[in-house]
Amino acid sequence: MATLHTARFADLDPRVLHDLLRLRVDVFVVEQRCPYPEIDGRDVEAGAEHLWMDVDGGVVATVRTLVDPDGTRRLGRVATHRDHRGHGYAAQLVREGLRRLGEGPVHIGAQAYLADWYARLGFTRSGPDYLEDGIPHLPMTRG
């Protein structure tokens, strides 16, 4: 049974924080072979919120929401452990992140191969493709 959790940085249990960051590094740095600064300093911002799915006490999927100083709302760092993909955890987290961000536009930088997946969640392309750390991305917006 999977359980959805949310917390601001200051409210994260140290073990959960470790597990969230470990999952993101495992997916984005190790699995995708992309050496980049995964810990980007934004996790600690007042407007950041961490959402994750827990299965049997372990973090199996995560999403981060952010609100930029200009009020732009963002959703990102969507990651699911390879052994737990295909269960809908990421989609559930994205939907909850969108709900928590409220009405109005929400922006993402989607990996290009996931554009159709994000489109099923209501996102549309909002600009040209770009490379980020050697991985093709495209900007998308919902709302």
Protein backbone atom coordinates (compact mmCIF):
# COMPACT_ATOMS: atom_id res chain seq x y z
CA MET A 1 0.00 0.00 0.00
CA ALA A 2 1.39 3.38 -1.01
CA THR A 3 0.98 6.48 1.13
CA LEU A 4 1.31 10.06 -0.10
CA HIS A 5 3.19 12.52 2.13
CA THR A 6 3.99 16.24 1.91
CA ALA A 7 6.33 18.47 3.88
CA ARG A 8 8.30 21.68 3.76
CA PHE A 9 12.07 21.33 4.12
CA ALA A 10 12.14 22.34 7.79
CA ASP A 11 9.55 19.67 8.58
CA LEU A 12 11.28 16.78 6.81
CA ASP A 13 12.57 13.95 8.96
CA PRO A 14 16.33 13.62 8.28
CA ARG A 15 15.92 10.03 7.05
CA VAL A 16 13.14 11.03 4.64
CA LEU A 17 15.24 13.93 3.33
CA HIS A 18 18.12 11.53 2.76
CA ASP A 19 15.84 9.08 0.94
CA LEU A 20 14.28 11.81 -1.24
CA LEU A 21 17.68 13.12 -2.30
CA ARG A 22 19.03 9.60 -2.79
CA LEU A 23 16.12 8.72 -5.08
CA ARG A 24 16.63 11.86 -7.15
CA VAL A 25 20.38 11.22 -7.46
CA ASP A 26 19.79 7.55 -8.32
CA VAL A 27 17.36 8.48 -11.11
CA PHE A 28 18.77 11.73 -12.51
CA VAL A 29 22.51 11.31 -11.96
CA VAL A 30 23.19 7.56 -11.89
CA GLU A 31 20.43 6.00 -14.03
CA GLN A 32 20.40 8.80 -16.62
CA ARG A 33 24.19 9.12 -16.47
CA CYS A 34 24.00 12.87 -16.06
CA PRO A 35 26.53 14.37 -13.64
CA TYR A 36 25.02 17.64 -12.49
CA PRO A 37 24.35 19.40 -9.16
CA GLU A 38 21.11 17.63 -8.17
CA ILE A 39 21.13 19.42 -4.82
CA ASP A 40 20.45 22.85 -6.31
CA GLY A 41 19.65 24.92 -3.22
CA ARG A 42 15.94 25.23 -4.04
CA ASP A 43 14.79 22.43 -1.71
CA VAL A 44 15.21 24.75 1.28
CA GLU A 45 13.23 27.71 -0.13
CA ALA A 46 10.18 28.85 1.81
CA GLY A 47 7.93 28.18 -1.20
CA ALA A 48 9.25 24.66 -1.80
CA GLU A 49 7.19 21.65 -0.88
CA HIS A 50 8.24 18.02 -1.13
CA LEU A 51 5.75 15.31 -2.00
CA TRP A 52 6.55 11.62 -1.95
CA MET A 53 5.04 8.17 -2.04
CA ASP A 54 6.05 5.71 0.65
CA VAL A 55 5.73 1.95 0.24
CA ASP A 56 6.57 -0.21 3.26
CA GLY A 57 8.54 2.63 4.85
CA GLY A 58 10.59 3.49 1.77
CA VAL A 59 10.44 6.50 -0.54
CA VAL A 60 9.52 5.22 -4.02
CA ALA A 61 8.52 8.41 -5.88
CA THR A 62 8.87 12.14 -5.39
CA VAL A 63 7.89 15.56 -6.77
CA ARG A 64 8.92 19.06 -5.70
CA THR A 65 6.81 22.20 -6.01
CA LEU A 66 8.32 25.68 -6.03
CA VAL A 67 7.10 29.27 -6.14
CA ASP A 68 9.63 31.68 -7.66
CA PRO A 69 10.11 35.15 -6.17
CA ASP A 70 8.02 36.59 -9.04
CA GLY A 71 5.15 34.21 -8.18
CA THR A 72 5.78 31.71 -11.00
CA ARG A 73 4.71 28.28 -9.80
CA ARG A 74 6.80 25.28 -10.79
CA LEU A 75 6.65 21.54 -10.47
CA GLY A 76 9.72 19.38 -10.95
CA ARG A 77 12.12 16.75 -9.75
CA VAL A 78 9.57 14.09 -10.69
CA ALA A 79 11.27 10.75 -10.01
CA THR A 80 10.17 7.18 -9.39
CA HIS A 81 12.39 4.31 -8.30
CA ARG A 82 12.84 1.92 -11.22
CA ASP A 83 11.30 -0.99 -9.26
CA HIS A 84 8.10 1.00 -8.64
CA ARG A 85 7.36 2.45 -12.08
CA GLY A 86 4.06 1.70 -13.75
CA HIS A 87 1.96 2.02 -10.58
CA GLY A 88 0.82 5.60 -11.20
CA TYR A 89 2.73 7.05 -8.26
CA ALA A 90 4.30 9.92 -10.23
CA ALA A 91 0.97 10.88 -11.81
CA GLN A 92 -0.68 10.89 -8.38
CA LEU A 93 2.10 13.10 -7.01
CA VAL A 94 1.92 15.50 -9.97
CA ARG A 95 -1.86 15.82 -9.56
CA GLU A 96 -1.47 16.50 -5.84
CA GLY A 97 1.34 18.98 -6.50
CA LEU A 98 -0.88 20.83 -8.97
CA ARG A 99 -3.73 20.85 -6.46
CA ARG A 100 -1.47 22.24 -3.77
CA LEU A 101 -0.08 24.94 -6.08
CA GLY A 102 -3.64 26.12 -6.73
CA GLU A 103 -5.33 27.79 -9.68
CA GLY A 104 -3.36 29.33 -12.51
CA PRO A 105 -0.37 28.36 -14.61
CA VAL A 106 2.19 25.83 -13.42
CA HIS A 107 5.45 25.44 -15.34
CA ILE A 108 7.68 22.42 -15.82
CA GLY A 109 10.86 21.64 -17.70
CA ALA A 110 9.95 18.22 -19.07
CA GLN A 111 12.40 15.70 -20.42
CA ALA A 112 11.39 15.47 -24.07
CA TYR A 113 10.63 11.76 -24.02
CA LEU A 114 8.00 12.41 -21.31
CA ALA A 115 6.10 15.15 -23.21
CA ASP A 116 3.14 12.86 -23.99
CA TRP A 117 2.97 11.68 -20.37
CA TYR A 118 2.82 15.29 -19.14
CA ALA A 119 0.26 16.12 -21.85
CA ARG A 120 -2.03 13.45 -20.36
CA LEU A 121 -1.81 15.42 -17.11
CA GLY A 122 -2.92 18.64 -18.87
CA PHE A 123 0.44 20.23 -19.74
CA THR A 124 1.08 21.82 -23.15
CA ARG A 125 4.30 22.90 -24.81
CA SER A 126 5.14 26.51 -24.01
CA GLY A 127 8.41 27.04 -25.88
CA PRO A 128 11.19 25.49 -27.96
CA ASP A 129 13.18 22.41 -27.04
CA TYR A 130 16.43 22.92 -25.17
CA LEU A 131 19.28 20.87 -23.76
CA GLU A 132 19.73 20.76 -20.01
CA ASP A 133 22.79 18.89 -18.82
CA GLY A 134 22.90 17.08 -22.17
CA ILE A 135 19.28 15.83 -21.94
CA PRO A 136 16.62 17.12 -24.38
CA HIS A 137 13.88 19.08 -22.54
CA LEU A 138 10.96 21.27 -23.43
CA PRO A 139 9.06 23.84 -21.40
CA MET A 140 5.44 22.95 -20.66
CA THR A 141 2.66 24.77 -18.82
CA ARG A 142 -0.65 23.73 -17.33
CA GLY A 143 -3.44 26.15 -16.60
